[in-house]
Amino acid sequence: MTENEQQVAGLVLAAGGGRRLGGRPKALLQHHGRPLVEHAVGVLRAAGCTRVHVVLGARADAVREQAELEGCVLVENPRWEQGMGTSLRAGLDSLAGTGARAALVSLVDQPGIGSEAAGRVLAAYRDETSLASAAYDGVRGHPVLFGSAHWARIAETATGDRGARAYLKAHEPAITLVECGDVAQPYDIDTEADLVHLE
């Protein structure tokens, strides 16, 4: 295990209720015969994260029952309906005091982003001041890596569905962009039409 792998925790944001999917929580959508949240955790583990925290919200009890998330820290976000920002805050709060010096943050509804892309972003970690992001043809996307020095200020600005967007925009020059367009596809599973991407 490299030093990076010990110091960078994985964080899966999996609380969404799938409003545009008829209220089907994204964490429970089936991909390769298992809930999507399991896939997302597996990607971060394969990339090298030994500690993975998962933020749950919509139908959290059903997710706990149906998904095998052994060894993960499950964080419940009671305010998930207010948007992704609340999940990011809950996830970063859950990492405080764990010894993690950075968080590699992924979204549950992006199964086209695999462990190779996540591993590349993880490799950009240097210390707790690191800021890195996957890029697709030069456009910033997920996963993103936040050194712990940034967590408190990211949490302050994470509102609605914007997550860390405002913080990242304000700190653009400091972000290491890691091109992943050759190994991953950053589509979201947001609507019924997007379900074609699930296998």
N, C-alpha and C. Protein backbone atom coordinates (compact mmCIF):
# COMPACT_ATOMS: atom_id res chain seq x y z
N MET A 1 0.84 -1.20 0.00
CA MET A 1 0.00 0.00 0.00
C MET A 1 0.88 1.25 0.00
N THR A 2 0.66 2.14 -0.93
CA THR A 2 1.46 3.35 -0.97
C THR A 2 0.97 4.32 0.09
N GLU A 3 1.82 5.31 0.36
CA GLU A 3 1.45 6.33 1.34
C GLU A 3 0.18 7.06 0.88
N ASN A 4 0.07 7.33 -0.43
CA ASN A 4 -1.12 8.00 -0.96
C ASN A 4 -2.39 7.26 -0.59
N GLU A 5 -2.34 5.93 -0.74
CA GLU A 5 -3.54 5.13 -0.51
C GLU A 5 -3.99 5.19 0.95
N GLN A 6 -3.05 5.34 1.85
CA GLN A 6 -3.42 5.43 3.27
C GLN A 6 -3.97 6.81 3.60
N GLN A 7 -3.50 7.82 2.91
CA GLN A 7 -3.84 9.19 3.31
C GLN A 7 -5.05 9.75 2.58
N VAL A 8 -5.44 9.12 1.47
CA VAL A 8 -6.58 9.60 0.71
C VAL A 8 -7.78 8.68 0.93
N ALA A 9 -8.86 9.25 1.47
CA ALA A 9 -10.08 8.47 1.67
C ALA A 9 -10.99 8.64 0.46
N GLY A 10 -11.74 7.60 0.14
CA GLY A 10 -12.74 7.71 -0.91
C GLY A 10 -14.05 8.21 -0.33
N LEU A 11 -14.77 9.02 -1.08
CA LEU A 11 -16.06 9.54 -0.62
C LEU A 11 -17.06 9.45 -1.78
N VAL A 12 -18.08 8.60 -1.61
CA VAL A 12 -19.11 8.43 -2.65
C VAL A 12 -20.35 9.21 -2.22
N LEU A 13 -20.80 10.10 -3.09
CA LEU A 13 -22.04 10.84 -2.82
C LEU A 13 -23.18 10.06 -3.47
N ALA A 14 -24.02 9.42 -2.63
CA ALA A 14 -25.03 8.49 -3.13
C ALA A 14 -26.40 8.73 -2.50
N ALA A 15 -26.71 9.98 -2.20
CA ALA A 15 -27.93 10.28 -1.45
C ALA A 15 -29.13 10.64 -2.32
N GLY A 16 -28.90 10.90 -3.60
CA GLY A 16 -29.95 11.45 -4.46
C GLY A 16 -31.18 10.56 -4.61
N GLY A 17 -32.32 11.21 -4.75
CA GLY A 17 -33.59 10.49 -4.83
C GLY A 17 -34.03 10.14 -6.23
N GLY A 18 -33.26 10.54 -7.25
CA GLY A 18 -33.63 10.21 -8.63
C GLY A 18 -34.96 10.82 -9.03
N ARG A 19 -35.12 12.10 -8.74
CA ARG A 19 -36.38 12.81 -9.02
C ARG A 19 -36.79 12.64 -10.48
N ARG A 20 -35.82 12.76 -11.40
CA ARG A 20 -36.13 12.65 -12.84
C ARG A 20 -36.18 11.19 -13.30
N LEU A 21 -36.01 10.28 -12.36
CA LEU A 21 -36.11 8.85 -12.66
C LEU A 21 -37.34 8.25 -11.99
N GLY A 22 -38.33 9.10 -11.77
CA GLY A 22 -39.56 8.62 -11.14
C GLY A 22 -39.37 8.29 -9.67
N GLY A 23 -38.41 8.96 -9.04
CA GLY A 23 -38.19 8.75 -7.60
C GLY A 23 -37.46 7.47 -7.26
N ARG A 24 -36.68 6.95 -8.21
CA ARG A 24 -35.86 5.76 -7.90
C ARG A 24 -34.49 6.22 -7.43
N PRO A 25 -34.12 5.92 -6.20
CA PRO A 25 -32.81 6.36 -5.71
C PRO A 25 -31.69 5.83 -6.60
N LYS A 26 -30.77 6.70 -6.95
CA LYS A 26 -29.70 6.30 -7.87
C LYS A 26 -28.83 5.19 -7.28
N ALA A 27 -28.66 5.22 -5.97
CA ALA A 27 -27.79 4.21 -5.33
C ALA A 27 -28.29 2.80 -5.61
N LEU A 28 -29.61 2.64 -5.82
CA LEU A 28 -30.19 1.30 -5.97
C LEU A 28 -30.41 0.88 -7.42
N LEU A 29 -30.09 1.75 -8.39
CA LEU A 29 -30.20 1.34 -9.79
C LEU A 29 -29.28 0.15 -10.03
N GLN A 30 -29.71 -0.78 -10.85
CA GLN A 30 -28.91 -2.00 -11.08
C GLN A 30 -27.88 -1.80 -12.19
N HIS A 31 -26.66 -2.24 -11.91
CA HIS A 31 -25.57 -2.18 -12.89
C HIS A 31 -24.77 -3.47 -12.73
N HIS A 32 -24.69 -4.25 -13.79
CA HIS A 32 -24.03 -5.57 -13.71
C HIS A 32 -24.65 -6.42 -12.60
N GLY A 33 -25.96 -6.28 -12.43
CA GLY A 33 -26.67 -7.13 -11.48
C GLY A 33 -26.56 -6.73 -10.02
N ARG A 34 -25.91 -5.61 -9.73
CA ARG A 34 -25.77 -5.16 -8.34
C ARG A 34 -26.14 -3.68 -8.25
N PRO A 35 -26.48 -3.19 -7.04
CA PRO A 35 -26.80 -1.77 -6.90
C PRO A 35 -25.62 -0.88 -7.33
N LEU A 36 -25.96 0.24 -7.95
CA LEU A 36 -24.95 1.16 -8.48
C LEU A 36 -23.97 1.64 -7.41
N VAL A 37 -24.45 1.78 -6.18
CA VAL A 37 -23.57 2.25 -5.10
C VAL A 37 -22.43 1.26 -4.85
N GLU A 38 -22.70 -0.02 -5.01
CA GLU A 38 -21.64 -1.03 -4.85
C GLU A 38 -20.56 -0.84 -5.90
N HIS A 39 -21.01 -0.58 -7.12
CA HIS A 39 -20.08 -0.34 -8.23
C HIS A 39 -19.18 0.85 -7.91
N ALA A 40 -19.79 1.95 -7.42
CA ALA A 40 -19.04 3.18 -7.13
C ALA A 40 -17.99 2.94 -6.05
N VAL A 41 -18.36 2.18 -5.03
CA VAL A 41 -17.40 1.86 -3.96
C VAL A 41 -16.26 1.01 -4.53
N GLY A 42 -16.61 0.03 -5.36
CA GLY A 42 -15.60 -0.84 -5.95
C GLY A 42 -14.59 -0.08 -6.79
N VAL A 43 -15.07 0.95 -7.50
CA VAL A 43 -14.17 1.77 -8.32
C VAL A 43 -13.13 2.47 -7.44
N LEU A 44 -13.58 3.07 -6.34
CA LEU A 44 -12.64 3.79 -5.46
C LEU A 44 -11.68 2.82 -4.78
N ARG A 45 -12.17 1.66 -4.42
CA ARG A 45 -11.27 0.66 -3.80
C ARG A 45 -10.22 0.19 -4.81
N ALA A 46 -10.67 -0.08 -6.03
CA ALA A 46 -9.73 -0.55 -7.06
C ALA A 46 -8.71 0.53 -7.40
N ALA A 47 -9.11 1.80 -7.23
CA ALA A 47 -8.19 2.91 -7.50
C ALA A 47 -7.15 3.05 -6.40
N GLY A 48 -7.42 2.46 -5.23
CA GLY A 48 -6.44 2.50 -4.15
C GLY A 48 -6.91 3.09 -2.84
N CYS A 49 -8.20 3.44 -2.73
CA CYS A 49 -8.71 3.99 -1.46
C CYS A 49 -9.04 2.84 -0.52
N THR A 50 -8.36 2.75 0.60
CA THR A 50 -8.65 1.68 1.55
C THR A 50 -9.79 2.06 2.49
N ARG A 51 -9.97 3.35 2.71
CA ARG A 51 -11.09 3.84 3.52
C ARG A 51 -12.10 4.49 2.57
N VAL A 52 -13.35 4.03 2.62
CA VAL A 52 -14.38 4.62 1.77
C VAL A 52 -15.59 4.99 2.62
N HIS A 53 -15.99 6.25 2.55
CA HIS A 53 -17.21 6.73 3.20
C HIS A 53 -18.28 6.91 2.13
N VAL A 54 -19.50 6.52 2.45
CA VAL A 54 -20.61 6.61 1.50
C VAL A 54 -21.72 7.44 2.13
N VAL A 55 -22.13 8.51 1.45
CA VAL A 55 -23.21 9.36 1.97
C VAL A 55 -24.53 8.87 1.39
N LEU A 56 -25.44 8.47 2.27
CA LEU A 56 -26.75 7.97 1.88
C LEU A 56 -27.82 9.00 2.24
N GLY A 57 -28.94 8.92 1.52
CA GLY A 57 -30.05 9.83 1.81
C GLY A 57 -31.36 9.17 1.47
N ALA A 58 -31.78 9.28 0.20
CA ALA A 58 -33.05 8.70 -0.23
C ALA A 58 -33.06 7.19 0.03
N ARG A 59 -34.10 6.73 0.71
CA ARG A 59 -34.28 5.31 1.03
C ARG A 59 -33.01 4.65 1.57
N ALA A 60 -32.40 5.35 2.51
CA ALA A 60 -31.13 4.87 3.08
C ALA A 60 -31.26 3.47 3.66
N ASP A 61 -32.40 3.16 4.29
CA ASP A 61 -32.58 1.82 4.89
C ASP A 61 -32.55 0.74 3.82
N ALA A 62 -33.22 1.02 2.69
CA ALA A 62 -33.24 0.04 1.59
C ALA A 62 -31.84 -0.14 1.01
N VAL A 63 -31.08 0.94 0.93
CA VAL A 63 -29.71 0.84 0.40
C VAL A 63 -28.86 -0.02 1.34
N ARG A 64 -29.00 0.22 2.64
CA ARG A 64 -28.25 -0.60 3.61
C ARG A 64 -28.59 -2.08 3.47
N GLU A 65 -29.88 -2.37 3.23
CA GLU A 65 -30.33 -3.76 3.12
C GLU A 65 -29.86 -4.43 1.83
N GLN A 66 -29.95 -3.69 0.72
CA GLN A 66 -29.75 -4.31 -0.59
C GLN A 66 -28.31 -4.26 -1.11
N ALA A 67 -27.54 -3.31 -0.65
CA ALA A 67 -26.17 -3.17 -1.16
C ALA A 67 -25.17 -3.74 -0.17
N GLU A 68 -24.17 -4.42 -0.70
CA GLU A 68 -23.09 -4.93 0.15
C GLU A 68 -22.03 -3.85 0.28
N LEU A 69 -22.03 -3.21 1.42
CA LEU A 69 -21.12 -2.08 1.64
C LEU A 69 -20.23 -2.34 2.85
N GLU A 70 -19.86 -3.60 3.00
CA GLU A 70 -19.04 -4.00 4.13
C GLU A 70 -17.73 -3.23 4.15
N GLY A 71 -17.35 -2.78 5.32
CA GLY A 71 -16.07 -2.08 5.45
C GLY A 71 -16.16 -0.59 5.14
N CYS A 72 -17.32 -0.15 4.62
CA CYS A 72 -17.50 1.28 4.34
C CYS A 72 -18.05 1.97 5.58
N VAL A 73 -17.76 3.24 5.71
CA VAL A 73 -18.42 4.06 6.73
C VAL A 73 -19.64 4.68 6.05
N LEU A 74 -20.83 4.36 6.56
CA LEU A 74 -22.07 4.87 5.97
C LEU A 74 -22.51 6.12 6.72
N VAL A 75 -22.68 7.19 5.99
CA VAL A 75 -23.01 8.49 6.57
C VAL A 75 -24.41 8.87 6.09
N GLU A 76 -25.32 9.09 7.02
CA GLU A 76 -26.67 9.43 6.58
C GLU A 76 -26.83 10.95 6.54
N ASN A 77 -27.37 11.44 5.43
CA ASN A 77 -27.60 12.87 5.26
C ASN A 77 -29.10 13.13 5.32
N PRO A 78 -29.61 13.59 6.48
CA PRO A 78 -31.05 13.82 6.61
C PRO A 78 -31.56 14.96 5.73
N ARG A 79 -30.63 15.80 5.24
CA ARG A 79 -31.04 16.95 4.43
C ARG A 79 -30.77 16.73 2.94
N TRP A 80 -30.74 15.45 2.52
CA TRP A 80 -30.35 15.15 1.14
C TRP A 80 -31.24 15.85 0.10
N GLU A 81 -32.51 16.10 0.46
CA GLU A 81 -33.41 16.73 -0.52
C GLU A 81 -33.02 18.16 -0.86
N GLN A 82 -32.17 18.75 -0.02
CA GLN A 82 -31.73 20.13 -0.28
C GLN A 82 -30.61 20.19 -1.34
N GLY A 83 -30.15 19.03 -1.79
CA GLY A 83 -29.15 19.03 -2.86
C GLY A 83 -27.83 18.41 -2.47
N MET A 84 -26.99 18.24 -3.50
CA MET A 84 -25.71 17.56 -3.33
C MET A 84 -24.78 18.26 -2.36
N GLY A 85 -24.92 19.58 -2.24
CA GLY A 85 -24.05 20.33 -1.33
C GLY A 85 -24.13 19.80 0.09
N THR A 86 -25.34 19.43 0.54
CA THR A 86 -25.49 18.92 1.90
C THR A 86 -24.79 17.56 2.05
N SER A 87 -24.79 16.77 0.98
CA SER A 87 -24.12 15.46 1.04
C SER A 87 -22.61 15.62 1.08
N LEU A 88 -22.11 16.57 0.31
CA LEU A 88 -20.66 16.82 0.33
C LEU A 88 -20.24 17.27 1.72
N ARG A 89 -21.03 18.18 2.32
CA ARG A 89 -20.71 18.65 3.68
C ARG A 89 -20.72 17.48 4.67
N ALA A 90 -21.78 16.64 4.60
CA ALA A 90 -21.88 15.51 5.53
C ALA A 90 -20.70 14.56 5.36
N GLY A 91 -20.31 14.33 4.11
CA GLY A 91 -19.20 13.42 3.85
C GLY A 91 -17.88 13.96 4.36
N LEU A 92 -17.61 15.22 4.10
CA LEU A 92 -16.35 15.83 4.58
C LEU A 92 -16.34 15.87 6.11
N ASP A 93 -17.49 16.19 6.72
CA ASP A 93 -17.57 16.18 8.20
C ASP A 93 -17.22 14.81 8.75
N SER A 94 -17.69 13.76 8.05
CA SER A 94 -17.46 12.39 8.56
C SER A 94 -16.00 11.99 8.49
N LEU A 95 -15.23 12.69 7.64
CA LEU A 95 -13.80 12.37 7.51
C LEU A 95 -12.93 13.12 8.51
N ALA A 96 -13.49 14.17 9.11
CA ALA A 96 -12.72 14.95 10.09
C ALA A 96 -12.31 14.03 11.24
N GLY A 97 -11.07 14.10 11.61
CA GLY A 97 -10.59 13.30 12.75
C GLY A 97 -10.24 11.86 12.40
N THR A 98 -10.31 11.49 11.12
CA THR A 98 -9.99 10.10 10.75
C THR A 98 -8.51 9.94 10.41
N GLY A 99 -7.81 11.06 10.27
CA GLY A 99 -6.41 10.98 9.84
C GLY A 99 -6.26 11.10 8.33
N ALA A 100 -7.39 11.09 7.61
CA ALA A 100 -7.31 11.26 6.15
C ALA A 100 -6.81 12.66 5.84
N ARG A 101 -5.91 12.77 4.87
CA ARG A 101 -5.36 14.08 4.51
C ARG A 101 -5.94 14.60 3.20
N ALA A 102 -6.77 13.76 2.55
CA ALA A 102 -7.46 14.19 1.34
C ALA A 102 -8.65 13.28 1.12
N ALA A 103 -9.61 13.77 0.34
CA ALA A 103 -10.78 12.97 -0.03
C ALA A 103 -10.86 12.90 -1.55
N LEU A 104 -11.06 11.69 -2.07
CA LEU A 104 -11.30 11.50 -3.50
C LEU A 104 -12.81 11.32 -3.64
N VAL A 105 -13.47 12.32 -4.20
CA VAL A 105 -14.94 12.38 -4.20
C VAL A 105 -15.49 11.94 -5.55
N SER A 106 -16.41 10.96 -5.52
CA SER A 106 -17.06 10.51 -6.75
C SER A 106 -18.58 10.55 -6.58
N LEU A 107 -19.28 10.55 -7.71
CA LEU A 107 -20.74 10.57 -7.70
C LEU A 107 -21.25 9.19 -8.07
N VAL A 108 -22.30 8.75 -7.38
CA VAL A 108 -22.81 7.39 -7.59
C VAL A 108 -23.34 7.18 -9.00
N ASP A 109 -23.76 8.27 -9.66
CA ASP A 109 -24.46 8.10 -10.95
C ASP A 109 -23.56 8.28 -12.17
N GLN A 110 -22.26 7.99 -12.01
CA GLN A 110 -21.34 8.11 -13.14
C GLN A 110 -20.57 6.80 -13.36
N PRO A 111 -21.29 5.74 -13.73
CA PRO A 111 -20.63 4.43 -13.87
C PRO A 111 -19.64 4.35 -15.03
N GLY A 112 -19.63 5.35 -15.90
CA GLY A 112 -18.66 5.34 -17.00
C GLY A 112 -17.27 5.77 -16.56
N ILE A 113 -17.15 6.19 -15.31
CA ILE A 113 -15.85 6.59 -14.77
C ILE A 113 -15.35 5.44 -13.90
N GLY A 114 -14.31 4.79 -14.35
CA GLY A 114 -13.83 3.59 -13.65
C GLY A 114 -12.59 3.85 -12.82
N SER A 115 -11.98 2.75 -12.39
CA SER A 115 -10.86 2.84 -11.45
C SER A 115 -9.61 3.45 -12.07
N GLU A 116 -9.49 3.35 -13.40
CA GLU A 116 -8.29 3.92 -14.02
C GLU A 116 -8.29 5.44 -13.90
N ALA A 117 -9.43 6.04 -14.19
CA ALA A 117 -9.55 7.50 -14.05
C ALA A 117 -9.39 7.91 -12.59
N ALA A 118 -10.07 7.18 -11.70
CA ALA A 118 -9.98 7.51 -10.26
C ALA A 118 -8.54 7.37 -9.77
N GLY A 119 -7.85 6.36 -10.25
CA GLY A 119 -6.46 6.15 -9.85
C GLY A 119 -5.55 7.27 -10.32
N ARG A 120 -5.82 7.78 -11.51
CA ARG A 120 -5.01 8.90 -12.02
C ARG A 120 -5.17 10.14 -11.14
N VAL A 121 -6.43 10.41 -10.73
CA VAL A 121 -6.67 11.59 -9.89
C VAL A 121 -6.04 11.37 -8.51
N LEU A 122 -6.16 10.16 -7.98
CA LEU A 122 -5.54 9.83 -6.69
C LEU A 122 -4.04 10.07 -6.75
N ALA A 123 -3.41 9.74 -7.87
CA ALA A 123 -1.96 9.89 -8.01
C ALA A 123 -1.51 11.35 -8.00
N ALA A 124 -2.47 12.28 -8.19
CA ALA A 124 -2.13 13.71 -8.16
C ALA A 124 -2.01 14.24 -6.73
N TYR A 125 -2.35 13.41 -5.75
CA TYR A 125 -2.26 13.83 -4.34
C TYR A 125 -0.80 14.08 -3.95
N ARG A 126 -0.55 15.21 -3.32
CA ARG A 126 0.79 15.52 -2.79
C ARG A 126 0.76 15.68 -1.27
N ASP A 127 -0.18 16.51 -0.79
CA ASP A 127 -0.31 16.74 0.65
C ASP A 127 -1.69 17.33 0.91
N GLU A 128 -1.93 17.82 2.14
CA GLU A 128 -3.29 18.26 2.48
C GLU A 128 -3.71 19.54 1.75
N THR A 129 -2.80 20.17 1.03
CA THR A 129 -3.20 21.36 0.25
C THR A 129 -3.57 20.99 -1.19
N SER A 130 -3.49 19.71 -1.54
CA SER A 130 -3.75 19.31 -2.93
C SER A 130 -5.19 19.59 -3.36
N LEU A 131 -5.33 19.98 -4.62
CA LEU A 131 -6.63 20.11 -5.29
C LEU A 131 -6.44 19.52 -6.68
N ALA A 132 -7.21 18.49 -7.01
CA ALA A 132 -7.05 17.87 -8.33
C ALA A 132 -8.42 17.45 -8.85
N SER A 133 -8.52 17.35 -10.15
CA SER A 133 -9.79 16.98 -10.76
C SER A 133 -9.54 16.22 -12.06
N ALA A 134 -10.40 15.25 -12.31
CA ALA A 134 -10.38 14.62 -13.62
C ALA A 134 -10.83 15.65 -14.64
N ALA A 135 -10.33 15.52 -15.86
CA ALA A 135 -10.76 16.39 -16.96
C ALA A 135 -11.08 15.51 -18.16
N TYR A 136 -12.05 15.95 -18.92
CA TYR A 136 -12.47 15.22 -20.12
C TYR A 136 -12.36 16.18 -21.29
N ASP A 137 -11.35 15.94 -22.13
CA ASP A 137 -11.02 16.89 -23.20
C ASP A 137 -10.85 18.30 -22.63
N GLY A 138 -10.16 18.37 -21.50
CA GLY A 138 -9.84 19.66 -20.89
C GLY A 138 -10.92 20.26 -20.01
N VAL A 139 -12.10 19.62 -19.98
CA VAL A 139 -13.21 20.16 -19.17
C VAL A 139 -13.25 19.43 -17.82
N ARG A 140 -13.26 20.21 -16.75
CA ARG A 140 -13.21 19.64 -15.40
C ARG A 140 -14.44 18.78 -15.11
N GLY A 141 -14.21 17.61 -14.47
CA GLY A 141 -15.31 16.73 -14.11
C GLY A 141 -15.00 15.98 -12.83
N HIS A 142 -15.53 14.77 -12.70
CA HIS A 142 -15.29 13.95 -11.51
C HIS A 142 -14.44 12.74 -11.88
N PRO A 143 -13.80 12.10 -10.92
CA PRO A 143 -13.75 12.47 -9.50
C PRO A 143 -12.86 13.70 -9.25
N VAL A 144 -13.03 14.26 -8.06
CA VAL A 144 -12.20 15.38 -7.63
C VAL A 144 -11.50 15.00 -6.33
N LEU A 145 -10.33 15.57 -6.13
CA LEU A 145 -9.56 15.30 -4.92
C LEU A 145 -9.38 16.60 -4.15
N PHE A 146 -9.82 16.58 -2.90
CA PHE A 146 -9.71 17.76 -2.04
C PHE A 146 -8.78 17.44 -0.87
N GLY A 147 -7.66 18.15 -0.78
CA GLY A 147 -6.83 18.03 0.41
C GLY A 147 -7.58 18.57 1.62
N SER A 148 -7.27 18.04 2.80
CA SER A 148 -8.05 18.39 4.00
C SER A 148 -7.94 19.87 4.37
N ALA A 149 -6.91 20.54 3.89
CA ALA A 149 -6.78 21.98 4.17
C ALA A 149 -7.94 22.77 3.55
N HIS A 150 -8.60 22.18 2.57
CA HIS A 150 -9.69 22.88 1.87
C HIS A 150 -11.08 22.52 2.41
N TRP A 151 -11.18 21.46 3.23
CA TRP A 151 -12.50 20.92 3.57
C TRP A 151 -13.44 21.93 4.21
N ALA A 152 -12.94 22.67 5.20
CA ALA A 152 -13.82 23.59 5.95
C ALA A 152 -14.39 24.65 5.01
N ARG A 153 -13.54 25.18 4.12
CA ARG A 153 -14.01 26.25 3.23
C ARG A 153 -14.92 25.69 2.13
N ILE A 154 -14.66 24.46 1.69
CA ILE A 154 -15.57 23.84 0.72
C ILE A 154 -16.95 23.64 1.36
N ALA A 155 -16.96 23.16 2.60
CA ALA A 155 -18.23 22.93 3.31
C ALA A 155 -19.02 24.23 3.44
N GLU A 156 -18.32 25.33 3.66
CA GLU A 156 -19.00 26.63 3.81
C GLU A 156 -19.70 27.04 2.52
N THR A 157 -19.11 26.69 1.37
CA THR A 157 -19.65 27.17 0.09
C THR A 157 -20.52 26.12 -0.61
N ALA A 158 -20.60 24.91 -0.05
CA ALA A 158 -21.37 23.84 -0.70
C ALA A 158 -22.86 24.03 -0.41
N THR A 159 -23.59 24.53 -1.40
CA THR A 159 -25.03 24.74 -1.22
C THR A 159 -25.79 24.17 -2.40
N GLY A 160 -27.04 23.82 -2.17
CA GLY A 160 -27.90 23.31 -3.24
C GLY A 160 -27.24 22.16 -3.98
N ASP A 161 -27.38 22.14 -5.29
CA ASP A 161 -26.79 21.07 -6.08
C ASP A 161 -25.41 21.43 -6.60
N ARG A 162 -24.86 22.51 -6.12
CA ARG A 162 -23.59 22.97 -6.69
C ARG A 162 -22.38 22.30 -6.07
N GLY A 163 -22.54 21.72 -4.90
CA GLY A 163 -21.39 21.06 -4.29
C GLY A 163 -20.22 22.02 -4.16
N ALA A 164 -19.07 21.60 -4.70
CA ALA A 164 -17.85 22.40 -4.55
C ALA A 164 -17.59 23.31 -5.74
N ARG A 165 -18.58 23.46 -6.62
CA ARG A 165 -18.33 24.20 -7.88
C ARG A 165 -17.80 25.61 -7.64
N ALA A 166 -18.44 26.34 -6.72
CA ALA A 166 -18.02 27.74 -6.48
C ALA A 166 -16.60 27.78 -5.94
N TYR A 167 -16.28 26.87 -5.04
CA TYR A 167 -14.93 26.84 -4.45
C TYR A 167 -13.90 26.53 -5.53
N LEU A 168 -14.20 25.55 -6.37
CA LEU A 168 -13.25 25.16 -7.40
C LEU A 168 -13.05 26.29 -8.41
N LYS A 169 -14.13 26.99 -8.73
CA LYS A 169 -14.03 28.10 -9.67
C LYS A 169 -13.11 29.19 -9.12
N ALA A 170 -13.26 29.44 -7.82
CA ALA A 170 -12.45 30.49 -7.17
C ALA A 170 -10.98 30.08 -7.05
N HIS A 171 -10.71 28.78 -7.09
CA HIS A 171 -9.34 28.30 -6.91
C HIS A 171 -8.79 27.59 -8.15
N GLU A 172 -9.35 27.97 -9.29
CA GLU A 172 -8.99 27.31 -10.55
C GLU A 172 -7.48 27.18 -10.79
N PRO A 173 -6.69 28.24 -10.55
CA PRO A 173 -5.26 28.13 -10.85
C PRO A 173 -4.54 27.06 -10.01
N ALA A 174 -5.13 26.72 -8.86
CA ALA A 174 -4.48 25.75 -7.96
C ALA A 174 -4.83 24.30 -8.29
N ILE A 175 -5.80 24.09 -9.20
CA ILE A 175 -6.28 22.73 -9.47
C ILE A 175 -5.38 22.03 -10.48
N THR A 176 -4.95 20.83 -10.13
CA THR A 176 -4.24 19.97 -11.08
C THR A 176 -5.28 19.23 -11.90
N LEU A 177 -5.33 19.50 -13.19
CA LEU A 177 -6.28 18.80 -14.06
C LEU A 177 -5.62 17.52 -14.57
N VAL A 178 -6.33 16.41 -14.43
CA VAL A 178 -5.81 15.10 -14.83
C VAL A 178 -6.67 14.59 -15.98
N GLU A 179 -6.15 14.58 -17.18
CA GLU A 179 -6.94 14.18 -18.35
C GLU A 179 -7.31 12.70 -18.26
N CYS A 180 -8.61 12.41 -18.38
CA CYS A 180 -9.11 11.04 -18.27
C CYS A 180 -10.02 10.66 -19.43
N GLY A 181 -10.13 11.55 -20.41
CA GLY A 181 -11.05 11.32 -21.52
C GLY A 181 -10.73 10.07 -22.33
N ASP A 182 -9.48 9.59 -22.23
CA ASP A 182 -9.11 8.39 -22.99
C ASP A 182 -9.51 7.10 -22.29
N VAL A 183 -9.87 7.19 -20.98
CA VAL A 183 -10.18 5.96 -20.23
C VAL A 183 -11.56 5.97 -19.58
N ALA A 184 -12.30 7.08 -19.68
CA ALA A 184 -13.58 7.15 -18.97
C ALA A 184 -14.56 8.03 -19.72
N GLN A 185 -15.86 7.82 -19.44
CA GLN A 185 -16.92 8.64 -20.01
C GLN A 185 -17.72 9.26 -18.87
N PRO A 186 -17.79 10.58 -18.82
CA PRO A 186 -18.38 11.24 -17.64
C PRO A 186 -19.88 11.49 -17.71
N TYR A 187 -20.65 10.59 -18.34
CA TYR A 187 -22.10 10.81 -18.38
C TYR A 187 -22.71 10.58 -16.99
N ASP A 188 -23.86 11.23 -16.77
CA ASP A 188 -24.64 11.05 -15.53
C ASP A 188 -25.86 10.20 -15.85
N ILE A 189 -26.33 9.46 -14.85
CA ILE A 189 -27.62 8.77 -14.96
C ILE A 189 -28.65 9.68 -14.30
N ASP A 190 -29.27 10.54 -15.10
CA ASP A 190 -30.21 11.53 -14.53
C ASP A 190 -31.65 11.28 -14.95
N THR A 191 -31.85 10.78 -16.18
CA THR A 191 -33.20 10.63 -16.71
C THR A 191 -33.41 9.20 -17.20
N GLU A 192 -34.64 8.88 -17.53
CA GLU A 192 -34.96 7.55 -18.06
C GLU A 192 -34.08 7.22 -19.27
N ALA A 193 -33.86 8.21 -20.13
CA ALA A 193 -33.06 7.99 -21.34
C ALA A 193 -31.63 7.56 -21.01
N ASP A 194 -31.12 8.01 -19.86
CA ASP A 194 -29.74 7.68 -19.48
C ASP A 194 -29.59 6.24 -19.01
N LEU A 195 -30.70 5.57 -18.72
CA LEU A 195 -30.62 4.20 -18.20
C LEU A 195 -29.99 3.24 -19.21
N VAL A 196 -29.89 3.66 -20.48
CA VAL A 196 -29.25 2.79 -21.49
C VAL A 196 -27.79 2.54 -21.14
N HIS A 197 -27.20 3.40 -20.33
CA HIS A 197 -25.79 3.24 -19.98
C HIS A 197 -25.56 2.14 -18.93
N LEU A 198 -26.63 1.72 -18.28
CA LEU A 198 -26.48 0.68 -17.25
C LEU A 198 -26.49 -0.69 -17.91
N GLU A 199 -25.73 -1.61 -17.34
CA GLU A 199 -25.63 -2.95 -17.93
C GLU A 199 -26.15 -4.00 -16.98
